[in-house]
Amino acid sequence: INRMGWYRAPPGKERDLVADITAGGTVKYADSVKGRFT
């Protein structure tokens, strides 16, 4: 497993990254959820 994460598709919009975490523990967040999602 290289990474696992979450994506989301708002109504009428394409699916985009919310957050993911790599096998090494590196995390990435969409700007819109930083500070709110973990």
PDB file of all heavy atoms in Angstrom:
ATOM      1  N   ILE A   1       0.854  -1.185   0.000  1.00  0.00           N
ATOM      2  CA  ILE A   1       0.000   0.000   0.000  1.00  0.00           C
ATOM      3  C   ILE A   1       0.890   1.235   0.000  1.00  0.00           C
ATOM      4  O   ILE A   1       1.712   1.413   0.891  1.00  0.00           O
ATOM      5  CB  ILE A   1      -0.927   0.028   1.219  1.00  0.00           C
ATOM      6  CG1 ILE A   1      -1.919  -1.133   1.172  1.00  0.00           C
ATOM      7  CG2 ILE A   1      -1.674   1.360   1.276  1.00  0.00           C
ATOM      8  CD1 ILE A   1      -2.817  -1.209   2.391  1.00  0.00           C
ATOM      9  N   ASN A   2       0.725   2.052  -1.036  1.00  0.00           N
ATOM     10  CA  ASN A   2       1.493   3.286  -1.112  1.00  0.00           C
ATOM     11  C   ASN A   2       0.840   4.407  -0.313  1.00  0.00           C
ATOM     12  O   ASN A   2       1.507   5.166   0.379  1.00  0.00           O
ATOM     13  CB  ASN A   2       1.649   3.721  -2.562  1.00  0.00           C
ATOM     14  CG  ASN A   2       2.460   2.740  -3.366  1.00  0.00           C
ATOM     15  OD1 ASN A   2       1.924   2.040  -4.214  1.00  0.00           O
ATOM     16  ND2 ASN A   2       3.739   2.654  -3.104  1.00  0.00           N
ATOM     17  N   ARG A   3      -0.479   4.499  -0.470  1.00  0.00           N
ATOM     18  CA  ARG A   3      -1.196   5.520   0.273  1.00  0.00           C
ATOM     19  C   ARG A   3      -2.680   5.176   0.335  1.00  0.00           C
ATOM     20  O   ARG A   3      -3.189   4.420  -0.486  1.00  0.00           O
ATOM     21  CB  ARG A   3      -1.012   6.906  -0.353  1.00  0.00           C
ATOM     22  CG  ARG A   3      -1.600   7.079  -1.727  1.00  0.00           C
ATOM     23  CD  ARG A   3      -1.450   8.502  -2.239  1.00  0.00           C
ATOM     24  NE  ARG A   3      -2.090   8.646  -3.532  1.00  0.00           N
ATOM     25  CZ  ARG A   3      -1.459   8.469  -4.684  1.00  0.00           C
ATOM     26  NH1 ARG A   3      -0.172   8.132  -4.690  1.00  0.00           N
ATOM     27  NH2 ARG A   3      -2.092   8.616  -5.830  1.00  0.00           N
ATOM     28  N   MET A   4      -3.337   5.742   1.316  1.00  0.00           N
ATOM     29  CA  MET A   4      -4.796   5.663   1.449  1.00  0.00           C
ATOM     30  C   MET A   4      -5.303   7.058   1.701  1.00  0.00           C
ATOM     31  O   MET A   4      -4.590   7.905   2.261  1.00  0.00           O
ATOM     32  CB  MET A   4      -5.203   4.730   2.588  1.00  0.00           C
ATOM     33  CG  MET A   4      -4.878   3.270   2.328  1.00  0.00           C
ATOM     34  SD  MET A   4      -5.499   2.168   3.633  1.00  0.00           S
ATOM     35  CE  MET A   4      -7.286   2.196   3.289  1.00  0.00           C
ATOM     36  N   GLY A   5      -6.519   7.294   1.317  1.00  0.00           N
ATOM     37  CA  GLY A   5      -7.040   8.633   1.510  1.00  0.00           C
ATOM     38  C   GLY A   5      -8.516   8.754   1.234  1.00  0.00           C
ATOM     39  O   GLY A   5      -9.210   7.744   1.050  1.00  0.00           O
ATOM     40  N   TRP A   6      -8.960   9.978   1.228  1.00  0.00           N
ATOM     41  CA  TRP A   6     -10.371  10.301   1.000  1.00  0.00           C
ATOM     42  C   TRP A   6     -10.492  11.361  -0.090  1.00  0.00           C
ATOM     43  O   TRP A   6      -9.720  12.330  -0.108  1.00  0.00           O
ATOM     44  CB  TRP A   6     -11.001  10.837   2.292  1.00  0.00           C
ATOM     45  CG  TRP A   6     -11.080   9.818   3.372  1.00  0.00           C
ATOM     46  CD1 TRP A   6     -10.136   9.560   4.323  1.00  0.00           C
ATOM     47  CD2 TRP A   6     -12.149   8.903   3.610  1.00  0.00           C
ATOM     48  NE1 TRP A   6     -10.559   8.547   5.136  1.00  0.00           N
ATOM     49  CE2 TRP A   6     -11.791   8.128   4.726  1.00  0.00           C
ATOM     50  CE3 TRP A   6     -13.381   8.676   2.999  1.00  0.00           C
ATOM     51  CZ2 TRP A   6     -12.622   7.129   5.235  1.00  0.00           C
ATOM     52  CZ3 TRP A   6     -14.202   7.690   3.504  1.00  0.00           C
ATOM     53  CH2 TRP A   6     -13.812   6.927   4.608  1.00  0.00           C
ATOM     54  N   TYR A   7     -11.461  11.146  -0.944  1.00  0.00           N
ATOM     55  CA  TYR A   7     -11.829  12.117  -1.966  1.00  0.00           C
ATOM     56  C   TYR A   7     -13.297  12.450  -1.782  1.00  0.00           C
ATOM     57  O   TYR A   7     -14.018  11.729  -1.104  1.00  0.00           O
ATOM     58  CB  TYR A   7     -11.616  11.523  -3.364  1.00  0.00           C
ATOM     59  CG  TYR A   7     -10.172  11.418  -3.780  1.00  0.00           C
ATOM     60  CD1 TYR A   7      -9.300  10.528  -3.151  1.00  0.00           C
ATOM     61  CD2 TYR A   7      -9.669  12.193  -4.816  1.00  0.00           C
ATOM     62  CE1 TYR A   7      -7.980  10.434  -3.541  1.00  0.00           C
ATOM     63  CE2 TYR A   7      -8.347  12.105  -5.220  1.00  0.00           C
ATOM     64  CZ  TYR A   7      -7.514  11.221  -4.582  1.00  0.00           C
ATOM     65  OH  TYR A   7      -6.202  11.122  -4.966  1.00  0.00           O
ATOM     66  N   ARG A   8     -13.722  13.533  -2.387  1.00  0.00           N
ATOM     67  CA  ARG A   8     -15.145  13.864  -2.321  1.00  0.00           C
ATOM     68  C   ARG A   8     -15.617  14.516  -3.604  1.00  0.00           C
ATOM     69  O   ARG A   8     -14.844  15.158  -4.296  1.00  0.00           O
ATOM     70  CB  ARG A   8     -15.438  14.786  -1.130  1.00  0.00           C
ATOM     71  CG  ARG A   8     -14.862  16.201  -1.232  1.00  0.00           C
ATOM     72  CD  ARG A   8     -15.121  16.964   0.060  1.00  0.00           C
ATOM     73  NE  ARG A   8     -14.615  18.332  -0.020  1.00  0.00           N
ATOM     74  CZ  ARG A   8     -14.604  19.172   1.015  1.00  0.00           C
ATOM     75  NH1 ARG A   8     -15.078  18.778   2.199  1.00  0.00           N
ATOM     76  NH2 ARG A   8     -14.133  20.392   0.868  1.00  0.00           N
ATOM     77  N   ALA A   9     -16.898  14.313  -3.895  1.00  0.00           N
ATOM     78  CA  ALA A   9     -17.531  14.893  -5.071  1.00  0.00           C
ATOM     79  C   ALA A   9     -18.745  15.684  -4.607  1.00  0.00           C
ATOM     80  O   ALA A   9     -19.779  15.091  -4.270  1.00  0.00           O
ATOM     81  CB  ALA A   9     -17.951  13.812  -6.058  1.00  0.00           C
ATOM     82  N   PRO A  10     -18.621  17.017  -4.525  1.00  0.00           N
ATOM     83  CA  PRO A  10     -19.793  17.846  -4.183  1.00  0.00           C
ATOM     84  C   PRO A  10     -20.843  17.744  -5.285  1.00  0.00           C
ATOM     85  O   PRO A  10     -20.527  17.333  -6.411  1.00  0.00           O
ATOM     86  CB  PRO A  10     -19.214  19.259  -4.101  1.00  0.00           C
ATOM     87  CG  PRO A  10     -17.737  19.082  -3.934  1.00  0.00           C
ATOM     88  CD  PRO A  10     -17.417  17.827  -4.683  1.00  0.00           C
ATOM     89  N   PRO A  11     -22.063  18.117  -5.001  1.00  0.00           N
ATOM     90  CA  PRO A  11     -23.113  18.035  -6.015  1.00  0.00           C
ATOM     91  C   PRO A  11     -22.733  18.769  -7.301  1.00  0.00           C
ATOM     92  O   PRO A  11     -22.379  19.950  -7.266  1.00  0.00           O
ATOM     93  CB  PRO A  11     -24.301  18.699  -5.328  1.00  0.00           C
ATOM     94  CG  PRO A  11     -24.046  18.543  -3.880  1.00  0.00           C
ATOM     95  CD  PRO A  11     -22.573  18.604  -3.718  1.00  0.00           C
ATOM     96  N   GLY A  12     -22.773  18.072  -8.410  1.00  0.00           N
ATOM     97  CA  GLY A  12     -22.496  18.676  -9.703  1.00  0.00           C
ATOM     98  C   GLY A  12     -21.033  18.956  -9.987  1.00  0.00           C
ATOM     99  O   GLY A  12     -20.702  19.599 -10.979  1.00  0.00           O
ATOM    100  N   LYS A  13     -20.145  18.484  -9.117  1.00  0.00           N
ATOM    101  CA  LYS A  13     -18.719  18.755  -9.299  1.00  0.00           C
ATOM    102  C   LYS A  13     -17.931  17.454  -9.383  1.00  0.00           C
ATOM    103  O   LYS A  13     -18.421  16.387  -9.033  1.00  0.00           O
ATOM    104  CB  LYS A  13     -18.188  19.618  -8.160  1.00  0.00           C
ATOM    105  CG  LYS A  13     -18.826  21.001  -8.102  1.00  0.00           C
ATOM    106  CD  LYS A  13     -18.197  21.850  -7.009  1.00  0.00           C
ATOM    107  CE  LYS A  13     -18.811  23.236  -6.974  1.00  0.00           C
ATOM    108  NZ  LYS A  13     -18.196  24.075  -5.905  1.00  0.00           N
ATOM    109  N   GLU A  14     -16.692  17.563  -9.831  1.00  0.00           N
ATOM    110  CA  GLU A  14     -15.838  16.391  -9.947  1.00  0.00           C
ATOM    111  C   GLU A  14     -15.283  15.986  -8.586  1.00  0.00           C
ATOM    112  O   GLU A  14     -15.263  16.763  -7.635  1.00  0.00           O
ATOM    113  CB  GLU A  14     -14.689  16.686 -10.912  1.00  0.00           C
ATOM    114  CG  GLU A  14     -15.138  16.925 -12.342  1.00  0.00           C
ATOM    115  CD  GLU A  14     -13.962  17.120 -13.281  1.00  0.00           C
ATOM    116  OE1 GLU A  14     -12.816  17.231 -12.784  1.00  0.00           O
ATOM    117  OE2 GLU A  14     -14.184  17.164 -14.501  1.00  0.00           O
ATOM    118  N   ARG A  15     -14.790  14.783  -8.557  1.00  0.00           N
ATOM    119  CA  ARG A  15     -14.192  14.245  -7.337  1.00  0.00           C
ATOM    120  C   ARG A  15     -12.784  14.819  -7.151  1.00  0.00           C
ATOM    121  O   ARG A  15     -11.971  14.790  -8.083  1.00  0.00           O
ATOM    122  CB  ARG A  15     -14.154  12.724  -7.441  1.00  0.00           C
ATOM    123  CG  ARG A  15     -13.649  12.009  -6.223  1.00  0.00           C
ATOM    124  CD  ARG A  15     -14.012  10.535  -6.267  1.00  0.00           C
ATOM    125  NE  ARG A  15     -13.644   9.883  -7.494  1.00  0.00           N
ATOM    126  CZ  ARG A  15     -14.013   8.642  -7.811  1.00  0.00           C
ATOM    127  NH1 ARG A  15     -14.756   7.941  -6.978  1.00  0.00           N
ATOM    128  NH2 ARG A  15     -13.635   8.099  -8.951  1.00  0.00           N
ATOM    129  N   ASP A  16     -12.493  15.301  -5.958  1.00  0.00           N
ATOM    130  CA  ASP A  16     -11.192  15.882  -5.646  1.00  0.00           C
ATOM    131  C   ASP A  16     -10.673  15.325  -4.323  1.00  0.00           C
ATOM    132  O   ASP A  16     -11.447  14.864  -3.482  1.00  0.00           O
ATOM    133  CB  ASP A  16     -11.279  17.411  -5.532  1.00  0.00           C
ATOM    134  CG  ASP A  16     -11.396  18.093  -6.888  1.00  0.00           C
ATOM    135  OD1 ASP A  16     -10.750  17.623  -7.834  1.00  0.00           O
ATOM    136  OD2 ASP A  16     -12.151  19.078  -6.974  1.00  0.00           O
ATOM    137  N   LEU A  17      -9.372  15.454  -4.167  1.00  0.00           N
ATOM    138  CA  LEU A  17      -8.731  14.977  -2.945  1.00  0.00           C
ATOM    139  C   LEU A  17      -9.187  15.783  -1.736  1.00  0.00           C
ATOM    140  O   LEU A  17      -9.243  17.012  -1.779  1.00  0.00           O
ATOM    141  CB  LEU A  17      -7.211  15.085  -3.084  1.00  0.00           C
ATOM    142  CG  LEU A  17      -6.412  14.716  -1.835  1.00  0.00           C
ATOM    143  CD1 LEU A  17      -6.469  13.207  -1.586  1.00  0.00           C
ATOM    144  CD2 LEU A  17      -4.969  15.186  -1.964  1.00  0.00           C
ATOM    145  N   VAL A  18      -9.471  15.057  -0.650  1.00  0.00           N
ATOM    146  CA  VAL A  18      -9.706  15.689   0.646  1.00  0.00           C
ATOM    147  C   VAL A  18      -8.441  15.579   1.481  1.00  0.00           C
ATOM    148  O   VAL A  18      -7.918  16.576   1.985  1.00  0.00           O
ATOM    149  CB  VAL A  18     -10.882  15.011   1.390  1.00  0.00           C
ATOM    150  CG1 VAL A  18     -11.050  15.622   2.782  1.00  0.00           C
ATOM    151  CG2 VAL A  18     -12.160  15.126   0.590  1.00  0.00           C
ATOM    152  N   ALA A  19      -7.948  14.363   1.624  1.00  0.00           N
ATOM    153  CA  ALA A  19      -6.731  14.119   2.402  1.00  0.00           C
ATOM    154  C   ALA A  19      -6.228  12.730   2.084  1.00  0.00           C
ATOM    155  O   ALA A  19      -7.009  11.836   1.763  1.00  0.00           O
ATOM    156  CB  ALA A  19      -7.010  14.239   3.907  1.00  0.00           C
ATOM    157  N   ASP A  20      -4.914  12.561   2.143  1.00  0.00           N
ATOM    158  CA  ASP A  20      -4.363  11.226   2.034  1.00  0.00           C
ATOM    159  C   ASP A  20      -3.138  11.090   2.925  1.00  0.00           C
ATOM    160  O   ASP A  20      -2.604  12.080   3.439  1.00  0.00           O
ATOM    161  CB  ASP A  20      -4.079  10.810   0.588  1.00  0.00           C
ATOM    162  CG  ASP A  20      -2.992  11.624  -0.090  1.00  0.00           C
ATOM    163  OD1 ASP A  20      -2.174  12.260   0.609  1.00  0.00           O
ATOM    164  OD2 ASP A  20      -2.960  11.614  -1.336  1.00  0.00           O
ATOM    165  N   ILE A  21      -2.749   9.840   3.133  1.00  0.00           N
ATOM    166  CA  ILE A  21      -1.610   9.530   3.986  1.00  0.00           C
ATOM    167  C   ILE A  21      -0.822   8.415   3.333  1.00  0.00           C
ATOM    168  O   ILE A  21      -1.379   7.411   2.894  1.00  0.00           O
ATOM    169  CB  ILE A  21      -2.073   9.163   5.416  1.00  0.00           C
ATOM    170  CG1 ILE A  21      -0.883   8.898   6.333  1.00  0.00           C
ATOM    171  CG2 ILE A  21      -3.043   7.984   5.402  1.00  0.00           C
ATOM    172  CD1 ILE A  21      -1.265   8.830   7.813  1.00  0.00           C
ATOM    173  N   THR A  22       0.497   8.600   3.244  1.00  0.00           N
ATOM    174  CA  THR A  22       1.336   7.612   2.588  1.00  0.00           C
ATOM    175  C   THR A  22       1.740   6.509   3.563  1.00  0.00           C
ATOM    176  O   THR A  22       1.535   6.618   4.776  1.00  0.00           O
ATOM    177  CB  THR A  22       2.601   8.262   2.026  1.00  0.00           C
ATOM    178  OG1 THR A  22       3.425   8.689   3.132  1.00  0.00           O
ATOM    179  CG2 THR A  22       2.266   9.440   1.140  1.00  0.00           C
ATOM    180  N   ALA A  23       2.356   5.475   3.011  1.00  0.00           N
ATOM    181  CA  ALA A  23       2.844   4.386   3.853  1.00  0.00           C
ATOM    182  C   ALA A  23       3.858   4.896   4.869  1.00  0.00           C
ATOM    183  O   ALA A  23       3.988   4.343   5.966  1.00  0.00           O
ATOM    184  CB  ALA A  23       3.462   3.303   2.981  1.00  0.00           C
ATOM    185  N   GLY A  24       4.573   5.941   4.517  1.00  0.00           N
ATOM    186  CA  GLY A  24       5.558   6.504   5.426  1.00  0.00           C
ATOM    187  C   GLY A  24       4.976   7.487   6.434  1.00  0.00           C
ATOM    188  O   GLY A  24       5.704   8.003   7.290  1.00  0.00           O
ATOM    189  N   GLY A  25       3.670   7.758   6.297  1.00  0.00           N
ATOM    190  CA  GLY A  25       3.013   8.634   7.261  1.00  0.00           C
ATOM    191  C   GLY A  25       2.903  10.090   6.829  1.00  0.00           C
ATOM    192  O   GLY A  25       2.422  10.927   7.603  1.00  0.00           O
ATOM    193  N   THR A  26       3.321  10.396   5.621  1.00  0.00           N
ATOM    194  CA  THR A  26       3.192  11.773   5.133  1.00  0.00           C
ATOM    195  C   THR A  26       1.733  12.051   4.787  1.00  0.00           C
ATOM    196  O   THR A  26       1.092  11.259   4.101  1.00  0.00           O
ATOM    197  CB  THR A  26       4.062  11.987   3.895  1.00  0.00           C
ATOM    198  OG1 THR A  26       5.426  11.728   4.238  1.00  0.00           O
ATOM    199  CG2 THR A  26       3.942  13.417   3.389  1.00  0.00           C
ATOM    200  N   VAL A  27       1.237  13.170   5.271  1.00  0.00           N
ATOM    201  CA  VAL A  27      -0.171  13.510   5.029  1.00  0.00           C
ATOM    202  C   VAL A  27      -0.275  14.726   4.121  1.00  0.00           C
ATOM    203  O   VAL A  27       0.605  15.582   4.079  1.00  0.00           O
ATOM    204  CB  VAL A  27      -0.932  13.771   6.350  1.00  0.00           C
ATOM    205  CG1 VAL A  27      -0.931  12.519   7.215  1.00  0.00           C
ATOM    206  CG2 VAL A  27      -0.344  14.944   7.098  1.00  0.00           C
ATOM    207  N   LYS A  28      -1.382  14.775   3.421  1.00  0.00           N
ATOM    208  CA  LYS A  28      -1.672  15.901   2.540  1.00  0.00           C
ATOM    209  C   LYS A  28      -3.144  16.234   2.668  1.00  0.00           C
ATOM    210  O   LYS A  28      -3.982  15.312   2.723  1.00  0.00           O
ATOM    211  CB  LYS A  28      -1.331  15.550   1.097  1.00  0.00           C
ATOM    212  CG  LYS A  28      -1.584  16.664   0.102  1.00  0.00           C
ATOM    213  CD  LYS A  28      -0.953  16.333  -1.256  1.00  0.00           C
ATOM    214  CE  LYS A  28      -1.503  15.080  -1.864  1.00  0.00           C
ATOM    215  NZ  LYS A  28      -0.924  14.779  -3.184  1.00  0.00           N
ATOM    216  N   TYR A  29      -3.459  17.517   2.702  1.00  0.00           N
ATOM    217  CA  TYR A  29      -4.844  17.961   2.835  1.00  0.00           C
ATOM    218  C   TYR A  29      -5.188  18.977   1.744  1.00  0.00           C
ATOM    219  O   TYR A  29      -4.339  19.770   1.324  1.00  0.00           O
ATOM    220  CB  TYR A  29      -5.073  18.645   4.191  1.00  0.00           C
ATOM    221  CG  TYR A  29      -4.929  17.743   5.385  1.00  0.00           C
ATOM    222  CD1 TYR A  29      -3.745  17.696   6.101  1.00  0.00           C
ATOM    223  CD2 TYR A  29      -5.992  16.952   5.810  1.00  0.00           C
ATOM    224  CE1 TYR A  29      -3.607  16.875   7.215  1.00  0.00           C
ATOM    225  CE2 TYR A  29      -5.868  16.126   6.921  1.00  0.00           C
ATOM    226  CZ  TYR A  29      -4.669  16.099   7.613  1.00  0.00           C
ATOM    227  OH  TYR A  29      -4.555  15.279   8.703  1.00  0.00           O
ATOM    228  N   ALA A  30      -6.448  18.962   1.355  1.00  0.00           N
ATOM    229  CA  ALA A  30      -6.947  20.045   0.519  1.00  0.00           C
ATOM    230  C   ALA A  30      -6.954  21.320   1.356  1.00  0.00           C
ATOM    231  O   ALA A  30      -7.188  21.278   2.573  1.00  0.00           O
ATOM    232  CB  ALA A  30      -8.364  19.731   0.035  1.00  0.00           C
ATOM    233  N   ASP A  31      -6.689  22.447   0.715  1.00  0.00           N
ATOM    234  CA  ASP A  31      -6.642  23.715   1.445  1.00  0.00           C
ATOM    235  C   ASP A  31      -7.949  23.979   2.185  1.00  0.00           C
ATOM    236  O   ASP A  31      -7.945  24.551   3.285  1.00  0.00           O
ATOM    237  CB  ASP A  31      -6.355  24.866   0.483  1.00  0.00           C
ATOM    238  CG  ASP A  31      -4.919  24.867  -0.014  1.00  0.00           C
ATOM    239  OD1 ASP A  31      -4.062  24.220   0.610  1.00  0.00           O
ATOM    240  OD2 ASP A  31      -4.665  25.516  -1.047  1.00  0.00           O
ATOM    241  N   SER A  32      -9.045  23.557   1.614  1.00  0.00           N
ATOM    242  CA  SER A  32     -10.354  23.866   2.179  1.00  0.00           C
ATOM    243  C   SER A  32     -10.638  23.126   3.485  1.00  0.00           C
ATOM    244  O   SER A  32     -11.564  23.501   4.211  1.00  0.00           O
ATOM    245  CB  SER A  32     -11.449  23.536   1.170  1.00  0.00           C
ATOM    246  OG  SER A  32     -11.401  22.168   0.811  1.00  0.00           O
ATOM    247  N   VAL A  33      -9.852  22.093   3.797  1.00  0.00           N
ATOM    248  CA  VAL A  33     -10.116  21.327   5.016  1.00  0.00           C
ATOM    249  C   VAL A  33      -8.980  21.409   6.031  1.00  0.00           C
ATOM    250  O   VAL A  33      -9.105  20.861   7.130  1.00  0.00           O
ATOM    251  CB  VAL A  33     -10.413  19.840   4.694  1.00  0.00           C
ATOM    252  CG1 VAL A  33     -11.526  19.723   3.666  1.00  0.00           C
ATOM    253  CG2 VAL A  33      -9.156  19.113   4.235  1.00  0.00           C
ATOM    254  N   LYS A  34      -7.895  22.070   5.667  1.00  0.00           N
ATOM    255  CA  LYS A  34      -6.768  22.187   6.589  1.00  0.00           C
ATOM    256  C   LYS A  34      -7.210  22.836   7.898  1.00  0.00           C
ATOM    257  O   LYS A  34      -7.917  23.845   7.901  1.00  0.00           O
ATOM    258  CB  LYS A  34      -5.646  23.013   5.958  1.00  0.00           C
ATOM    259  CG  LYS A  34      -4.855  22.258   4.896  1.00  0.00           C
ATOM    260  CD  LYS A  34      -3.763  23.138   4.306  1.00  0.00           C
ATOM    261  CE  LYS A  34      -2.980  22.378   3.247  1.00  0.00           C
ATOM    262  NZ  LYS A  34      -1.939  23.235   2.593  1.00  0.00           N
ATOM    263  N   GLY A  35      -6.778  22.238   9.001  1.00  0.00           N
ATOM    264  CA  GLY A  35      -7.129  22.757  10.313  1.00  0.00           C
ATOM    265  C   GLY A  35      -8.456  22.254  10.837  1.00  0.00           C
ATOM    266  O   GLY A  35      -8.785  22.449  12.009  1.00  0.00           O
ATOM    267  N   ARG A  36      -9.234  21.606   9.968  1.00  0.00           N
ATOM    268  CA  ARG A  36     -10.551  21.087  10.387  1.00  0.00           C
ATOM    269  C   ARG A  36     -10.631  19.573  10.308  1.00  0.00           C
ATOM    270  O   ARG A  36     -11.296  18.944  11.129  1.00  0.00           O
ATOM    271  CB  ARG A  36     -11.658  21.701   9.522  1.00  0.00           C
ATOM    272  CG  ARG A  36     -11.748  23.202   9.580  1.00  0.00           C
ATOM    273  CD  ARG A  36     -12.992  23.720   8.849  1.00  0.00           C
ATOM    274  NE  ARG A  36     -13.001  23.399   7.424  1.00  0.00           N
ATOM    275  CZ  ARG A  36     -13.940  22.674   6.825  1.00  0.00           C
ATOM    276  NH1 ARG A  36     -14.959  22.192   7.510  1.00  0.00           N
ATOM    277  NH2 ARG A  36     -13.866  22.445   5.517  1.00  0.00           N
ATOM    278  N   PHE A  37      -9.966  18.988   9.311  1.00  0.00           N
ATOM    279  CA  PHE A  37     -10.008  17.544   9.106  1.00  0.00           C
ATOM    280  C   PHE A  37      -8.654  16.949   9.489  1.00  0.00           C
ATOM    281  O   PHE A  37      -7.609  17.572   9.289  1.00  0.00           O
ATOM    282  CB  PHE A  37     -10.292  17.210   7.643  1.00  0.00           C
ATOM    283  CG  PHE A  37     -11.689  17.522   7.176  1.00  0.00           C
ATOM    284  CD1 PHE A  37     -12.557  18.309   7.929  1.00  0.00           C
ATOM    285  CD2 PHE A  37     -12.138  17.023   5.958  1.00  0.00           C
ATOM    286  CE1 PHE A  37     -13.836  18.596   7.492  1.00  0.00           C
ATOM    287  CE2 PHE A  37     -13.415  17.297   5.506  1.00  0.00           C
ATOM    288  CZ  PHE A  37     -14.258  18.087   6.273  1.00  0.00           C
ATOM    289  N   THR A  38      -8.699  15.721   9.999  1.00  0.00           N
ATOM    290  CA  THR A  38      -7.477  15.002  10.344  1.00  0.00           C
ATOM    291  C   THR A  38      -7.569  13.581   9.808  1.00  0.00           C
ATOM    292  O   THR A  38      -8.533  12.867  10.095  1.00  0.00           O
ATOM    293  CB  THR A  38      -7.257  14.960  11.856  1.00  0.00           C
ATOM    294  OG1 THR A  38      -7.210  16.287  12.378  1.00  0.00           O
ATOM    295  CG2 THR A  38      -5.943  14.248  12.190  1.00  0.00           C
TER     296      THR A  38
END
